[in-house]
Amino acid sequence: MSTIVINVPQETYRRLQEEARKAGKAPEVLTRELLEISLQAREESRQRTARGILQASERARPLGERLRNKIIPGVTLDEVRESLTKAGGPPLSEIVLTQRGAKL
């Protein structure tokens, strides 16, 4: 194993000692566990997509069959935005909000 030395405020160290005591562990063992948990959580959060996060928070739903059938293969979102801009219509975000309807 590698060794790392960090300086922490006295209050932080006191809290760490207290938590370690409650868990029946040495402060350095608890510190390593907390560090590993934190690094894993950061890695997992980077891997999540915006769509996944929105769906998990129930702010977005997967497309229904009707909408999926309207997708033109090979057309990108940027191409759709460009076409809407050239057409002089409302922004895509406004169209989506209109079609979504009022929030419950």
PDB file of N, CA and C in Angstrom:
ATOM      1  N   MET A   1       0.830  -1.194   0.000  1.00  0.00           N
ATOM      2  CA  MET A   1       0.000   0.000   0.000  1.00  0.00           C
ATOM      3  C   MET A   1       0.865   1.244   0.000  1.00  0.00           C
ATOM      4  N   SER A   2       0.303   2.312  -0.535  1.00  0.00           N
ATOM      5  CA  SER A   2       0.975   3.609  -0.507  1.00  0.00           C
ATOM      6  C   SER A   2       0.536   4.374   0.727  1.00  0.00           C
ATOM      7  N   THR A   3       1.321   5.327   1.098  1.00  0.00           N
ATOM      8  CA  THR A   3       1.017   6.151   2.269  1.00  0.00           C
ATOM      9  C   THR A   3       0.789   7.579   1.822  1.00  0.00           C
ATOM     10  N   ILE A   4      -0.192   8.218   2.449  1.00  0.00           N
ATOM     11  CA  ILE A   4      -0.473   9.620   2.180  1.00  0.00           C
ATOM     12  C   ILE A   4      -0.613  10.329   3.530  1.00  0.00           C
ATOM     13  N   VAL A   5      -0.104  11.508   3.611  1.00  0.00           N
ATOM     14  CA  VAL A   5      -0.200  12.301   4.840  1.00  0.00           C
ATOM     15  C   VAL A   5      -0.990  13.554   4.493  1.00  0.00           C
ATOM     16  N   ILE A   6      -2.042  13.808   5.257  1.00  0.00           N
ATOM     17  CA  ILE A   6      -2.835  15.021   5.039  1.00  0.00           C
ATOM     18  C   ILE A   6      -2.999  15.758   6.355  1.00  0.00           C
ATOM     19  N   ASN A   7      -3.091  17.046   6.254  1.00  0.00           N
ATOM     20  CA  ASN A   7      -3.355  17.874   7.424  1.00  0.00           C
ATOM     21  C   ASN A   7      -4.828  18.258   7.404  1.00  0.00           C
ATOM     22  N   VAL A   8      -5.498  18.016   8.518  1.00  0.00           N
ATOM     23  CA  VAL A   8      -6.906  18.364   8.631  1.00  0.00           C
ATOM     24  C   VAL A   8      -7.107  19.216   9.876  1.00  0.00           C
ATOM     25  N   PRO A   9      -8.138  20.043   9.856  1.00  0.00           N
ATOM     26  CA  PRO A   9      -8.421  20.843  11.055  1.00  0.00           C
ATOM     27  C   PRO A   9      -8.679  19.934  12.264  1.00  0.00           C
ATOM     28  N   GLN A  10      -8.387  20.436  13.419  1.00  0.00           N
ATOM     29  CA  GLN A  10      -8.546  19.666  14.654  1.00  0.00           C
ATOM     30  C   GLN A  10      -9.977  19.150  14.803  1.00  0.00           C
ATOM     31  N   GLU A  11     -10.955  19.987  14.464  1.00  0.00           N
ATOM     32  CA  GLU A  11     -12.360  19.581  14.590  1.00  0.00           C
ATOM     33  C   GLU A  11     -12.687  18.419  13.660  1.00  0.00           C
ATOM     34  N   THR A  12     -12.138  18.449  12.455  1.00  0.00           N
ATOM     35  CA  THR A  12     -12.361  17.354  11.504  1.00  0.00           C
ATOM     36  C   THR A  12     -11.755  16.062  12.043  1.00  0.00           C
ATOM     37  N   TYR A  13     -10.568  16.163  12.580  1.00  0.00           N
ATOM     38  CA  TYR A  13      -9.923  14.972  13.134  1.00  0.00           C
ATOM     39  C   TYR A  13     -10.691  14.443  14.328  1.00  0.00           C
ATOM     40  N   ARG A  14     -11.224  15.325  15.151  1.00  0.00           N
ATOM     41  CA  ARG A  14     -12.027  14.888  16.305  1.00  0.00           C
ATOM     42  C   ARG A  14     -13.250  14.119  15.834  1.00  0.00           C
ATOM     43  N   ARG A  15     -13.914  14.661  14.797  1.00  0.00           N
ATOM     44  CA  ARG A  15     -15.099  13.985  14.253  1.00  0.00           C
ATOM     45  C   ARG A  15     -14.733  12.630  13.660  1.00  0.00           C
ATOM     46  N   LEU A  16     -13.597  12.567  12.973  1.00  0.00           N
ATOM     47  CA  LEU A  16     -13.133  11.303  12.406  1.00  0.00           C
ATOM     48  C   LEU A  16     -12.872  10.281  13.506  1.00  0.00           C
ATOM     49  N   GLN A  17     -12.212  10.702  14.569  1.00  0.00           N
ATOM     50  CA  GLN A  17     -11.954   9.799  15.688  1.00  0.00           C
ATOM     51  C   GLN A  17     -13.261   9.287  16.285  1.00  0.00           C
ATOM     52  N   GLU A  18     -14.228  10.166  16.443  1.00  0.00           N
ATOM     53  CA  GLU A  18     -15.519   9.776  17.011  1.00  0.00           C
ATOM     54  C   GLU A  18     -16.224   8.762  16.125  1.00  0.00           C
ATOM     55  N   GLU A  19     -16.254   9.026  14.821  1.00  0.00           N
ATOM     56  CA  GLU A  19     -16.896   8.092  13.884  1.00  0.00           C
ATOM     57  C   GLU A  19     -16.164   6.747  13.862  1.00  0.00           C
ATOM     58  N   ALA A  20     -14.854   6.792  13.899  1.00  0.00           N
ATOM     59  CA  ALA A  20     -14.060   5.563  13.911  1.00  0.00           C
ATOM     60  C   ALA A  20     -14.343   4.762  15.177  1.00  0.00           C
ATOM     61  N   ARG A  21     -14.434   5.455  16.304  1.00  0.00           N
ATOM     62  CA  ARG A  21     -14.739   4.776  17.572  1.00  0.00           C
ATOM     63  C   ARG A  21     -16.095   4.097  17.502  1.00  0.00           C
ATOM     64  N   LYS A  22     -17.100   4.810  16.972  1.00  0.00           N
ATOM     65  CA  LYS A  22     -18.446   4.237  16.837  1.00  0.00           C
ATOM     66  C   LYS A  22     -18.447   2.995  15.945  1.00  0.00           C
ATOM     67  N   ALA A  23     -17.599   3.033  14.907  1.00  0.00           N
ATOM     68  CA  ALA A  23     -17.537   1.917  13.956  1.00  0.00           C
ATOM     69  C   ALA A  23     -16.593   0.812  14.438  1.00  0.00           C
ATOM     70  N   GLY A  24     -15.880   1.062  15.535  1.00  0.00           N
ATOM     71  CA  GLY A  24     -14.937   0.068  16.052  1.00  0.00           C
ATOM     72  C   GLY A  24     -13.720  -0.092  15.163  1.00  0.00           C
ATOM     73  N   LYS A  25     -13.298   1.013  14.550  1.00  0.00           N
ATOM     74  CA  LYS A  25     -12.164   0.979  13.628  1.00  0.00           C
ATOM     75  C   LYS A  25     -11.148   2.038  14.015  1.00  0.00           C
ATOM     76  N   ALA A  26      -9.930   1.844  13.528  1.00  0.00           N
ATOM     77  CA  ALA A  26      -8.896   2.871  13.712  1.00  0.00           C
ATOM     78  C   ALA A  26      -9.215   4.025  12.760  1.00  0.00           C
ATOM     79  N   PRO A  27      -8.894   5.266  13.156  1.00  0.00           N
ATOM     80  CA  PRO A  27      -9.172   6.406  12.274  1.00  0.00           C
ATOM     81  C   PRO A  27      -8.589   6.254  10.872  1.00  0.00           C
ATOM     82  N   GLU A  28      -7.381   5.683  10.766  1.00  0.00           N
ATOM     83  CA  GLU A  28      -6.776   5.532   9.441  1.00  0.00           C
ATOM     84  C   GLU A  28      -7.520   4.510   8.575  1.00  0.00           C
ATOM     85  N   VAL A  29      -8.116   3.491   9.205  1.00  0.00           N
ATOM     86  CA  VAL A  29      -8.899   2.501   8.457  1.00  0.00           C
ATOM     87  C   VAL A  29     -10.187   3.158   7.951  1.00  0.00           C
ATOM     88  N   LEU A  30     -10.861   3.889   8.817  1.00  0.00           N
ATOM     89  CA  LEU A  30     -12.085   4.571   8.416  1.00  0.00           C
ATOM     90  C   LEU A  30     -11.783   5.614   7.333  1.00  0.00           C
ATOM     91  N   THR A  31     -10.677   6.320   7.469  1.00  0.00           N
ATOM     92  CA  THR A  31     -10.297   7.315   6.463  1.00  0.00           C
ATOM     93  C   THR A  31     -10.117   6.654   5.101  1.00  0.00           C
ATOM     94  N   ARG A  32      -9.431   5.516   5.058  1.00  0.00           N
ATOM     95  CA  ARG A  32      -9.217   4.814   3.790  1.00  0.00           C
ATOM     96  C   ARG A  32     -10.561   4.373   3.198  1.00  0.00           C
ATOM     97  N   GLU A  33     -11.453   3.852   4.035  1.00  0.00           N
ATOM     98  CA  GLU A  33     -12.772   3.425   3.556  1.00  0.00           C
ATOM     99  C   GLU A  33     -13.567   4.604   3.002  1.00  0.00           C
ATOM    100  N   LEU A  34     -13.556   5.723   3.718  1.00  0.00           N
ATOM    101  CA  LEU A  34     -14.276   6.909   3.264  1.00  0.00           C
ATOM    102  C   LEU A  34     -13.709   7.437   1.949  1.00  0.00           C
ATOM    103  N   LEU A  35     -12.403   7.412   1.829  1.00  0.00           N
ATOM    104  CA  LEU A  35     -11.750   7.868   0.605  1.00  0.00           C
ATOM    105  C   LEU A  35     -12.139   6.963  -0.572  1.00  0.00           C
ATOM    106  N   GLU A  36     -12.119   5.655  -0.348  1.00  0.00           N
ATOM    107  CA  GLU A  36     -12.480   4.708  -1.406  1.00  0.00           C
ATOM    108  C   GLU A  36     -13.940   4.890  -1.821  1.00  0.00           C
ATOM    109  N   ILE A  37     -14.825   5.066  -0.850  1.00  0.00           N
ATOM    110  CA  ILE A  37     -16.250   5.279  -1.140  1.00  0.00           C
ATOM    111  C   ILE A  37     -16.434   6.565  -1.937  1.00  0.00           C
ATOM    112  N   SER A  38     -15.751   7.620  -1.519  1.00  0.00           N
ATOM    113  CA  SER A  38     -15.878   8.903  -2.209  1.00  0.00           C
ATOM    114  C   SER A  38     -15.376   8.817  -3.644  1.00  0.00           C
ATOM    115  N   LEU A  39     -14.245   8.186  -3.854  1.00  0.00           N
ATOM    116  CA  LEU A  39     -13.698   8.056  -5.207  1.00  0.00           C
ATOM    117  C   LEU A  39     -14.612   7.222  -6.089  1.00  0.00           C
ATOM    118  N   GLN A  40     -15.174   6.147  -5.538  1.00  0.00           N
ATOM    119  CA  GLN A  40     -16.093   5.308  -6.303  1.00  0.00           C
ATOM    120  C   GLN A  40     -17.350   6.089  -6.682  1.00  0.00           C
ATOM    121  N   ALA A  41     -17.881   6.853  -5.748  1.00  0.00           N
ATOM    122  CA  ALA A  41     -19.084   7.644  -6.022  1.00  0.00           C
ATOM    123  C   ALA A  41     -18.814   8.687  -7.107  1.00  0.00           C
ATOM    124  N   ARG A  42     -17.655   9.320  -7.058  1.00  0.00           N
ATOM    125  CA  ARG A  42     -17.302  10.310  -8.092  1.00  0.00           C
ATOM    126  C   ARG A  42     -17.202   9.653  -9.459  1.00  0.00           C
ATOM    127  N   GLU A  43     -16.593   8.480  -9.492  1.00  0.00           N
ATOM    128  CA  GLU A  43     -16.445   7.760 -10.760  1.00  0.00           C
ATOM    129  C   GLU A  43     -17.817   7.373 -11.319  1.00  0.00           C
ATOM    130  N   GLU A  44     -18.676   6.870 -10.457  1.00  0.00           N
ATOM    131  CA  GLU A  44     -20.017   6.472 -10.892  1.00  0.00           C
ATOM    132  C   GLU A  44     -20.817   7.672 -11.371  1.00  0.00           C
ATOM    133  N   SER A  45     -20.672   8.807 -10.700  1.00  0.00           N
ATOM    134  CA  SER A  45     -21.448   9.984 -11.101  1.00  0.00           C
ATOM    135  C   SER A  45     -20.983  10.503 -12.457  1.00  0.00           C
ATOM    136  N   ARG A  46     -19.718  10.353 -12.776  1.00  0.00           N
ATOM    137  CA  ARG A  46     -19.220  10.768 -14.088  1.00  0.00           C
ATOM    138  C   ARG A  46     -19.744   9.860 -15.189  1.00  0.00           C
ATOM    139  N   GLN A  47     -19.999   8.607 -14.855  1.00  0.00           N
ATOM    140  CA  GLN A  47     -20.434   7.639 -15.851  1.00  0.00           C
ATOM    141  C   GLN A  47     -21.918   7.761 -16.153  1.00  0.00           C
ATOM    142  N   ARG A  48     -22.660   8.403 -15.295  1.00  0.00           N
ATOM    143  CA  ARG A  48     -24.098   8.538 -15.513  1.00  0.00           C
ATOM    144  C   ARG A  48     -24.368   9.577 -16.589  1.00  0.00           C
ATOM    145  N   THR A  49     -25.359   9.308 -17.379  1.00  0.00           N
ATOM    146  CA  THR A  49     -25.716  10.253 -18.434  1.00  0.00           C
ATOM    147  C   THR A  49     -26.760  11.225 -17.910  1.00  0.00           C
ATOM    148  N   ALA A  50     -26.892  12.338 -18.583  1.00  0.00           N
ATOM    149  CA  ALA A  50     -27.927  13.309 -18.217  1.00  0.00           C
ATOM    150  C   ALA A  50     -29.299  12.654 -18.317  1.00  0.00           C
ATOM    151  N   ARG A  51     -29.515  11.871 -19.362  1.00  0.00           N
ATOM    152  CA  ARG A  51     -30.803  11.195 -19.526  1.00  0.00           C
ATOM    153  C   ARG A  51     -31.078  10.269 -18.345  1.00  0.00           C
ATOM    154  N   GLY A  52     -30.078   9.507 -17.939  1.00  0.00           N
ATOM    155  CA  GLY A  52     -30.252   8.586 -16.818  1.00  0.00           C
ATOM    156  C   GLY A  52     -30.574   9.305 -15.520  1.00  0.00           C
ATOM    157  N   ILE A  53     -29.893  10.417 -15.293  1.00  0.00           N
ATOM    158  CA  ILE A  53     -30.134  11.201 -14.079  1.00  0.00           C
ATOM    159  C   ILE A  53     -31.550  11.772 -14.098  1.00  0.00           C
ATOM    160  N   LEU A  54     -31.960  12.321 -15.243  1.00  0.00           N
ATOM    161  CA  LEU A  54     -33.308  12.889 -15.350  1.00  0.00           C
ATOM    162  C   LEU A  54     -34.373  11.806 -15.200  1.00  0.00           C
ATOM    163  N   GLN A  55     -34.158  10.643 -15.775  1.00  0.00           N
ATOM    164  CA  GLN A  55     -35.129   9.564 -15.650  1.00  0.00           C
ATOM    165  C   GLN A  55     -35.204   9.060 -14.217  1.00  0.00           C
ATOM    166  N   ALA A  56     -34.058   8.958 -13.550  1.00  0.00           N
ATOM    167  CA  ALA A  56     -34.046   8.507 -12.157  1.00  0.00           C
ATOM    168  C   ALA A  56     -34.790   9.472 -11.244  1.00  0.00           C
ATOM    169  N   SER A  57     -34.746  10.766 -11.578  1.00  0.00           N
ATOM    170  CA  SER A  57     -35.448  11.762 -10.765  1.00  0.00           C
ATOM    171  C   SER A  57     -36.869  12.015 -11.279  1.00  0.00           C
ATOM    172  N   GLU A  58     -37.307  11.185 -12.226  1.00  0.00           N
ATOM    173  CA  GLU A  58     -38.650  11.266 -12.816  1.00  0.00           C
ATOM    174  C   GLU A  58     -38.912  12.605 -13.497  1.00  0.00           C
ATOM    175  N   ARG A  59     -37.859  13.227 -14.018  1.00  0.00           N
ATOM    176  CA  ARG A  59     -38.004  14.478 -14.763  1.00  0.00           C
ATOM    177  C   ARG A  59     -38.010  14.228 -16.264  1.00  0.00           C
ATOM    178  N   ALA A  60     -37.762  12.992 -16.655  1.00  0.00           N
ATOM    179  CA  ALA A  60     -37.812  12.620 -18.072  1.00  0.00           C
ATOM    180  C   ALA A  60     -38.230  11.163 -18.155  1.00  0.00           C
ATOM    181  N   ARG A  61     -38.920  10.844 -19.219  1.00  0.00           N
ATOM    182  CA  ARG A  61     -39.363   9.469 -19.437  1.00  0.00           C
ATOM    183  C   ARG A  61     -38.800   8.990 -20.769  1.00  0.00           C
ATOM    184  N   PRO A  62     -38.664   7.684 -20.908  1.00  0.00           N
ATOM    185  CA  PRO A  62     -38.234   7.176 -22.213  1.00  0.00           C
ATOM    186  C   PRO A  62     -39.289   7.539 -23.263  1.00  0.00           C
ATOM    187  N   LEU A  63     -38.856   7.667 -24.507  1.00  0.00           N
ATOM    188  CA  LEU A  63     -39.798   7.979 -25.578  1.00  0.00           C
ATOM    189  C   LEU A  63     -40.804   6.848 -25.746  1.00  0.00           C
ATOM    190  N   GLY A  64     -42.031   7.248 -26.005  1.00  0.00           N
ATOM    191  CA  GLY A  64     -43.067   6.265 -26.300  1.00  0.00           C
ATOM    192  C   GLY A  64     -42.920   5.772 -27.727  1.00  0.00           C
ATOM    193  N   GLU A  65     -43.646   4.715 -28.048  1.00  0.00           N
ATOM    194  CA  GLU A  65     -43.570   4.115 -29.378  1.00  0.00           C
ATOM    195  C   GLU A  65     -43.914   5.131 -30.464  1.00  0.00           C
ATOM    196  N   ARG A  66     -44.936   5.953 -30.234  1.00  0.00           N
ATOM    197  CA  ARG A  66     -45.364   6.938 -31.233  1.00  0.00           C
ATOM    198  C   ARG A  66     -44.241   7.903 -31.593  1.00  0.00           C
ATOM    199  N   LEU A  67     -43.538   8.412 -30.578  1.00  0.00           N
ATOM    200  CA  LEU A  67     -42.441   9.342 -30.840  1.00  0.00           C
ATOM    201  C   LEU A  67     -41.226   8.632 -31.434  1.00  0.00           C
ATOM    202  N   ARG A  68     -40.939   7.425 -30.954  1.00  0.00           N
ATOM    203  CA  ARG A  68     -39.804   6.675 -31.506  1.00  0.00           C
ATOM    204  C   ARG A  68     -39.981   6.444 -33.005  1.00  0.00           C
ATOM    205  N   ASN A  69     -41.211   6.246 -33.444  1.00  0.00           N
ATOM    206  CA  ASN A  69     -41.474   6.013 -34.865  1.00  0.00           C
ATOM    207  C   ASN A  69     -41.253   7.262 -35.713  1.00  0.00           C
ATOM    208  N   LYS A  70     -41.208   8.433 -35.076  1.00  0.00           N
ATOM    209  CA  LYS A  70     -41.008   9.682 -35.816  1.00  0.00           C
ATOM    210  C   LYS A  70     -39.532  10.028 -35.994  1.00  0.00           C
ATOM    211  N   ILE A  71     -38.663   9.282 -35.353  1.00  0.00           N
ATOM    212  CA  ILE A  71     -37.229   9.553 -35.462  1.00  0.00           C
ATOM    213  C   ILE A  71     -36.747   9.168 -36.853  1.00  0.00           C
ATOM    214  N   ILE A  72     -36.023  10.081 -37.471  1.00  0.00           N
ATOM    215  CA  ILE A  72     -35.448   9.807 -38.792  1.00  0.00           C
ATOM    216  C   ILE A  72     -34.020   9.325 -38.560  1.00  0.00           C
ATOM    217  N   PRO A  73     -33.726   8.078 -38.920  1.00  0.00           N
ATOM    218  CA  PRO A  73     -32.369   7.554 -38.681  1.00  0.00           C
ATOM    219  C   PRO A  73     -31.308   8.420 -39.352  1.00  0.00           C
ATOM    220  N   GLY A  74     -30.243   8.671 -38.630  1.00  0.00           N
ATOM    221  CA  GLY A  74     -29.123   9.413 -39.183  1.00  0.00           C
ATOM    222  C   GLY A  74     -29.206  10.917 -39.020  1.00  0.00           C
ATOM    223  N   VAL A  75     -30.345  11.447 -38.583  1.00  0.00           N
ATOM    224  CA  VAL A  75     -30.484  12.890 -38.389  1.00  0.00           C
ATOM    225  C   VAL A  75     -30.062  13.219 -36.963  1.00  0.00           C
ATOM    226  N   THR A  76     -29.159  14.164 -36.832  1.00  0.00           N
ATOM    227  CA  THR A  76     -28.655  14.523 -35.517  1.00  0.00           C
ATOM    228  C   THR A  76     -29.483  15.646 -34.889  1.00  0.00           C
ATOM    229  N   LEU A  77     -29.339  15.810 -33.598  1.00  0.00           N
ATOM    230  CA  LEU A  77     -30.019  16.884 -32.891  1.00  0.00           C
ATOM    231  C   LEU A  77     -29.567  18.244 -33.427  1.00  0.00           C
ATOM    232  N   ASP A  78     -28.286  18.366 -33.725  1.00  0.00           N
ATOM    233  CA  ASP A  78     -27.784  19.629 -34.283  1.00  0.00           C
ATOM    234  C   ASP A  78     -28.446  19.946 -35.624  1.00  0.00           C
ATOM    235  N   GLU A  79     -28.659  18.941 -36.446  1.00  0.00           N
ATOM    236  CA  GLU A  79     -29.317  19.159 -37.738  1.00  0.00           C
ATOM    237  C   GLU A  79     -30.769  19.602 -37.547  1.00  0.00           C
ATOM    238  N   VAL A  80     -31.444  19.021 -36.559  1.00  0.00           N
ATOM    239  CA  VAL A  80     -32.828  19.420 -36.265  1.00  0.00           C
ATOM    240  C   VAL A  80     -32.853  20.873 -35.805  1.00  0.00           C
ATOM    241  N   ARG A  81     -31.948  21.219 -34.898  1.00  0.00           N
ATOM    242  CA  ARG A  81     -31.892  22.601 -34.403  1.00  0.00           C
ATOM    243  C   ARG A  81     -31.624  23.575 -35.552  1.00  0.00           C
ATOM    244  N   GLU A  82     -30.688  23.213 -36.427  1.00  0.00           N
ATOM    245  CA  GLU A  82     -30.356  24.085 -37.559  1.00  0.00           C
ATOM    246  C   GLU A  82     -31.564  24.267 -38.471  1.00  0.00           C
ATOM    247  N   SER A  83     -32.287  23.202 -38.733  1.00  0.00           N
ATOM    248  CA  SER A  83     -33.475  23.292 -39.593  1.00  0.00           C
ATOM    249  C   SER A  83     -34.544  24.172 -38.957  1.00  0.00           C
ATOM    250  N   LEU A  84     -34.730  24.029 -37.648  1.00  0.00           N
ATOM    251  CA  LEU A  84     -35.733  24.848 -36.958  1.00  0.00           C
ATOM    252  C   LEU A  84     -35.326  26.318 -36.965  1.00  0.00           C
ATOM    253  N   THR A  85     -34.035  26.589 -36.822  1.00  0.00           N
ATOM    254  CA  THR A  85     -33.556  27.968 -36.849  1.00  0.00           C
ATOM    255  C   THR A  85     -33.795  28.583 -38.221  1.00  0.00           C
ATOM    256  N   LYS A  86     -33.489  27.846 -39.268  1.00  0.00           N
ATOM    257  CA  LYS A  86     -33.689  28.334 -40.637  1.00  0.00           C
ATOM    258  C   LYS A  86     -35.166  28.546 -40.933  1.00  0.00           C
ATOM    259  N   ALA A  87     -36.021  27.714 -40.360  1.00  0.00           N
ATOM    260  CA  ALA A  87     -37.463  27.818 -40.608  1.00  0.00           C
ATOM    261  C   ALA A  87     -38.062  29.015 -39.877  1.00  0.00           C
ATOM    262  N   GLY A  88     -37.331  29.556 -38.904  1.00  0.00           N
ATOM    263  CA  GLY A  88     -37.821  30.735 -38.186  1.00  0.00           C
ATOM    264  C   GLY A  88     -38.871  30.418 -37.138  1.00  0.00           C
ATOM    265  N   GLY A  89     -38.998  29.158 -36.783  1.00  0.00           N
ATOM    266  CA  GLY A  89     -39.977  28.774 -35.774  1.00  0.00           C
ATOM    267  C   GLY A  89     -39.427  28.930 -34.367  1.00  0.00           C
ATOM    268  N   PRO A  90     -40.197  28.478 -33.391  1.00  0.00           N
ATOM    269  CA  PRO A  90     -39.741  28.576 -32.004  1.00  0.00           C
ATOM    270  C   PRO A  90     -38.564  27.625 -31.758  1.00  0.00           C
ATOM    271  N   PRO A  91     -37.774  27.902 -30.722  1.00  0.00           N
ATOM    272  CA  PRO A  91     -36.666  27.011 -30.385  1.00  0.00           C
ATOM    273  C   PRO A  91     -37.191  25.609 -30.033  1.00  0.00           C
ATOM    274  N   LEU A  92     -36.334  24.616 -30.218  1.00  0.00           N
ATOM    275  CA  LEU A  92     -36.711  23.240 -29.919  1.00  0.00           C
ATOM    276  C   LEU A  92     -37.187  23.095 -28.482  1.00  0.00           C
ATOM    277  N   SER A  93     -36.551  23.795 -27.552  1.00  0.00           N
ATOM    278  CA  SER A  93     -36.946  23.693 -26.145  1.00  0.00           C
ATOM    279  C   SER A  93     -38.390  24.135 -25.938  1.00  0.00           C
ATOM    280  N   GLU A  94     -38.817  25.185 -26.639  1.00  0.00           N
ATOM    281  CA  GLU A  94     -40.211  25.641 -26.521  1.00  0.00           C
ATOM    282  C   GLU A  94     -41.172  24.624 -27.118  1.00  0.00           C
ATOM    283  N   ILE A  95     -40.786  24.016 -28.221  1.00  0.00           N
ATOM    284  CA  ILE A  95     -41.636  22.995 -28.831  1.00  0.00           C
ATOM    285  C   ILE A  95     -41.813  21.826 -27.872  1.00  0.00           C
ATOM    286  N   VAL A  96     -40.721  21.397 -27.264  1.00  0.00           N
ATOM    287  CA  VAL A  96     -40.781  20.278 -26.319  1.00  0.00           C
ATOM    288  C   VAL A  96     -41.686  20.632 -25.142  1.00  0.00           C
ATOM    289  N   LEU A  97     -41.517  21.840 -24.586  1.00  0.00           N
ATOM    290  CA  LEU A  97     -42.355  22.249 -23.454  1.00  0.00           C
ATOM    291  C   LEU A  97     -43.827  22.302 -23.835  1.00  0.00           C
ATOM    292  N   THR A  98     -44.123  22.778 -25.025  1.00  0.00           N
ATOM    293  CA  THR A  98     -45.505  22.847 -25.492  1.00  0.00           C
ATOM    294  C   THR A  98     -46.093  21.450 -25.641  1.00  0.00           C
ATOM    295  N   GLN A  99     -45.318  20.548 -26.238  1.00  0.00           N
ATOM    296  CA  GLN A  99     -45.813  19.200 -26.444  1.00  0.00           C
ATOM    297  C   GLN A  99     -45.920  18.426 -25.134  1.00  0.00           C
ATOM    298  N   ARG A 100     -45.057  18.736 -24.193  1.00  0.00           N
ATOM    299  CA  ARG A 100     -45.067  18.038 -22.910  1.00  0.00           C
ATOM    300  C   ARG A 100     -46.334  18.393 -22.133  1.00  0.00           C
ATOM    301  N   GLY A 101     -46.784  19.628 -22.268  1.00  0.00           N
ATOM    302  CA  GLY A 101     -47.974  20.057 -21.544  1.00  0.00           C
ATOM    303  C   GLY A 101     -47.636  20.560 -20.153  1.00  0.00           C
ATOM    304  N   ALA A 102     -48.668  20.884 -19.413  1.00  0.00           N
ATOM    305  CA  ALA A 102     -48.503  21.433 -18.077  1.00  0.00           C
ATOM    306  C   ALA A 102     -47.928  20.383 -17.146  1.00  0.00           C
ATOM    307  N   LYS A 103     -47.059  20.842 -16.228  1.00  0.00           N
ATOM    308  CA  LYS A 103     -46.505  19.940 -15.218  1.00  0.00           C
ATOM    309  C   LYS A 103     -47.565  19.624 -14.192  1.00  0.00           C
ATOM    310  N   LEU A 104     -47.523  18.416 -13.708  1.00  0.00           N
ATOM    311  CA  LEU A 104     -48.480  17.995 -12.678  1.00  0.00           C
ATOM    312  C   LEU A 104     -48.044  18.392 -11.314  1.00  0.00           C
TER     313      LEU A 104
END
